[in-house]
Amino acid sequence: MVSRKLSSGICKKVQEFLKKKEQQDNIMMAFLPPYSPELNPDEQVWNYAKREVGKKTIRSKDEMEKTILSVMSTIKKSAKLIRSFFPYA
């Protein structure tokens, strides 16, 4: 599981659950540095989507929605592209 550093605001039960799972080798916790968008897969997805949408001429709200959904569908269908969002995995 990739996450920002667990803050004190996270429920104690959640922290205990994650520690237990980590000890059982069911999951591995990997924490991102405080500000590291280049390591965050979500940021990589949105950067890709913004680049692709930016290549289109969009003339209406409806066209914008269709373009965004098309780009997200393209991402969803490409395992190679999805893997590229995890360069340090």
C-alpha atoms as a PDB file:
ATOM      1  CA  MET A   1       0.000   0.000   0.000  1.00  0.00           C
ATOM      2  CA  VAL A   2       1.376   3.389  -0.985  1.00  0.00           C
ATOM      3  CA  SER A   3       0.301   6.253   1.207  1.00  0.00           C
ATOM      4  CA  ARG A   4       1.290   9.588   2.530  1.00  0.00           C
ATOM      5  CA  LYS A   5       2.784   9.288   5.978  1.00  0.00           C
ATOM      6  CA  LEU A   6       0.173   8.214   8.515  1.00  0.00           C
ATOM      7  CA  SER A   7      -0.868  11.190  10.519  1.00  0.00           C
ATOM      8  CA  SER A   8      -1.978  11.280  14.098  1.00  0.00           C
ATOM      9  CA  GLY A   9      -5.428  12.106  12.714  1.00  0.00           C
ATOM     10  CA  ILE A  10      -5.900   8.573  11.404  1.00  0.00           C
ATOM     11  CA  CYS A  11      -8.027   6.393  13.600  1.00  0.00           C
ATOM     12  CA  LYS A  12      -6.007   4.285  16.037  1.00  0.00           C
ATOM     13  CA  LYS A  13      -7.899   1.148  14.879  1.00  0.00           C
ATOM     14  CA  VAL A  14      -6.780   1.778  11.293  1.00  0.00           C
ATOM     15  CA  GLN A  15      -3.162   2.216  12.406  1.00  0.00           C
ATOM     16  CA  GLU A  16      -3.319  -1.028  14.427  1.00  0.00           C
ATOM     17  CA  PHE A  17      -4.912  -2.886  11.500  1.00  0.00           C
ATOM     18  CA  LEU A  18      -2.214  -1.750   9.070  1.00  0.00           C
ATOM     19  CA  LYS A  19       0.610  -2.652  11.473  1.00  0.00           C
ATOM     20  CA  LYS A  20      -0.898  -6.106  12.018  1.00  0.00           C
ATOM     21  CA  LYS A  21      -1.275  -6.747   8.284  1.00  0.00           C
ATOM     22  CA  GLU A  22       2.252  -5.532   7.637  1.00  0.00           C
ATOM     23  CA  GLN A  23       3.617  -7.917  10.280  1.00  0.00           C
ATOM     24  CA  GLN A  24       1.675 -10.805   8.726  1.00  0.00           C
ATOM     25  CA  ASP A  25       3.239 -10.029   5.323  1.00  0.00           C
ATOM     26  CA  ASN A  26      -0.200  -9.552   3.792  1.00  0.00           C
ATOM     27  CA  ILE A  27       0.640  -6.008   2.783  1.00  0.00           C
ATOM     28  CA  MET A  28       3.673  -3.789   2.648  1.00  0.00           C
ATOM     29  CA  MET A  29       3.397  -0.161   3.583  1.00  0.00           C
ATOM     30  CA  ALA A  30       5.379   2.350   1.538  1.00  0.00           C
ATOM     31  CA  PHE A  31       5.194   5.974   2.582  1.00  0.00           C
ATOM     32  CA  LEU A  32       5.720   8.879   0.240  1.00  0.00           C
ATOM     33  CA  PRO A  33       7.919  11.789   1.291  1.00  0.00           C
ATOM     34  CA  PRO A  34       5.938  14.860   2.479  1.00  0.00           C
ATOM     35  CA  TYR A  35       5.665  16.476  -0.956  1.00  0.00           C
ATOM     36  CA  SER A  36       6.406  14.085  -3.778  1.00  0.00           C
ATOM     37  CA  PRO A  37       3.913  14.315  -6.651  1.00  0.00           C
ATOM     38  CA  GLU A  38       6.417  12.638  -8.993  1.00  0.00           C
ATOM     39  CA  LEU A  39       6.142   9.470  -6.868  1.00  0.00           C
ATOM     40  CA  ASN A  40       2.352   9.548  -6.535  1.00  0.00           C
ATOM     41  CA  PRO A  41       0.612   7.363  -9.148  1.00  0.00           C
ATOM     42  CA  ASP A  42      -2.558   9.497  -8.886  1.00  0.00           C
ATOM     43  CA  GLU A  43      -0.577  12.535  -9.977  1.00  0.00           C
ATOM     44  CA  GLN A  44       0.861  10.581 -12.914  1.00  0.00           C
ATOM     45  CA  VAL A  45      -2.624   9.531 -14.044  1.00  0.00           C
ATOM     46  CA  TRP A  46      -3.918  13.117 -13.927  1.00  0.00           C
ATOM     47  CA  ASN A  47      -0.818  14.477 -15.677  1.00  0.00           C
ATOM     48  CA  TYR A  48      -1.322  11.964 -18.488  1.00  0.00           C
ATOM     49  CA  ALA A  49      -5.051  12.733 -18.703  1.00  0.00           C
ATOM     50  CA  LYS A  50      -4.455  16.503 -18.800  1.00  0.00           C
ATOM     51  CA  ARG A  51      -1.854  16.098 -21.567  1.00  0.00           C
ATOM     52  CA  GLU A  52      -4.193  13.951 -23.661  1.00  0.00           C
ATOM     53  CA  VAL A  53      -7.225  16.177 -23.133  1.00  0.00           C
ATOM     54  CA  GLY A  54      -5.077  19.218 -23.948  1.00  0.00           C
ATOM     55  CA  LYS A  55      -4.360  17.788 -27.400  1.00  0.00           C
ATOM     56  CA  LYS A  56      -8.062  18.033 -28.324  1.00  0.00           C
ATOM     57  CA  THR A  57     -10.123  20.990 -29.418  1.00  0.00           C
ATOM     58  CA  ILE A  58     -13.128  21.024 -27.126  1.00  0.00           C
ATOM     59  CA  ARG A  59     -16.092  23.236 -27.897  1.00  0.00           C
ATOM     60  CA  SER A  60     -18.662  22.240 -25.311  1.00  0.00           C
ATOM     61  CA  LYS A  61     -19.127  20.869 -21.837  1.00  0.00           C
ATOM     62  CA  ASP A  62     -20.498  17.638 -23.325  1.00  0.00           C
ATOM     63  CA  GLU A  63     -17.448  17.272 -25.565  1.00  0.00           C
ATOM     64  CA  MET A  64     -15.195  17.828 -22.547  1.00  0.00           C
ATOM     65  CA  GLU A  65     -16.939  15.078 -20.593  1.00  0.00           C
ATOM     66  CA  LYS A  66     -16.727  12.622 -23.506  1.00  0.00           C
ATOM     67  CA  THR A  67     -13.043  13.406 -24.028  1.00  0.00           C
ATOM     68  CA  ILE A  68     -12.168  12.895 -20.370  1.00  0.00           C
ATOM     69  CA  LEU A  69     -14.126   9.637 -20.205  1.00  0.00           C
ATOM     70  CA  SER A  70     -12.391   8.445 -23.375  1.00  0.00           C
ATOM     71  CA  VAL A  71      -8.940   9.195 -21.952  1.00  0.00           C
ATOM     72  CA  MET A  72      -9.779   7.453 -18.672  1.00  0.00           C
ATOM     73  CA  SER A  73     -11.069   4.442 -20.616  1.00  0.00           C
ATOM     74  CA  THR A  74      -7.814   4.333 -22.590  1.00  0.00           C
ATOM     75  CA  ILE A  75      -5.851   4.310 -19.337  1.00  0.00           C
ATOM     76  CA  LYS A  76      -8.014   1.557 -17.889  1.00  0.00           C
ATOM     77  CA  LYS A  77      -7.427  -0.688 -20.916  1.00  0.00           C
ATOM     78  CA  SER A  78      -3.627  -0.399 -21.031  1.00  0.00           C
ATOM     79  CA  ALA A  79      -1.695  -2.411 -18.443  1.00  0.00           C
ATOM     80  CA  LYS A  80       1.576  -1.060 -19.861  1.00  0.00           C
ATOM     81  CA  LEU A  81       0.395   2.523 -19.427  1.00  0.00           C
ATOM     82  CA  ILE A  82      -0.836   1.823 -15.892  1.00  0.00           C
ATOM     83  CA  ARG A  83       2.524   0.268 -14.963  1.00  0.00           C
ATOM     84  CA  SER A  84       4.243   3.418 -16.225  1.00  0.00           C
ATOM     85  CA  PHE A  85       2.512   5.372 -13.442  1.00  0.00           C
ATOM     86  CA  PHE A  86       4.490   3.285 -10.907  1.00  0.00           C
ATOM     87  CA  PRO A  87       8.103   3.933 -11.970  1.00  0.00           C
ATOM     88  CA  TYR A  88       9.559   2.966  -8.580  1.00  0.00           C
ATOM     89  CA  ALA A  89       7.526  -0.191  -7.988  1.00  0.00           C
END
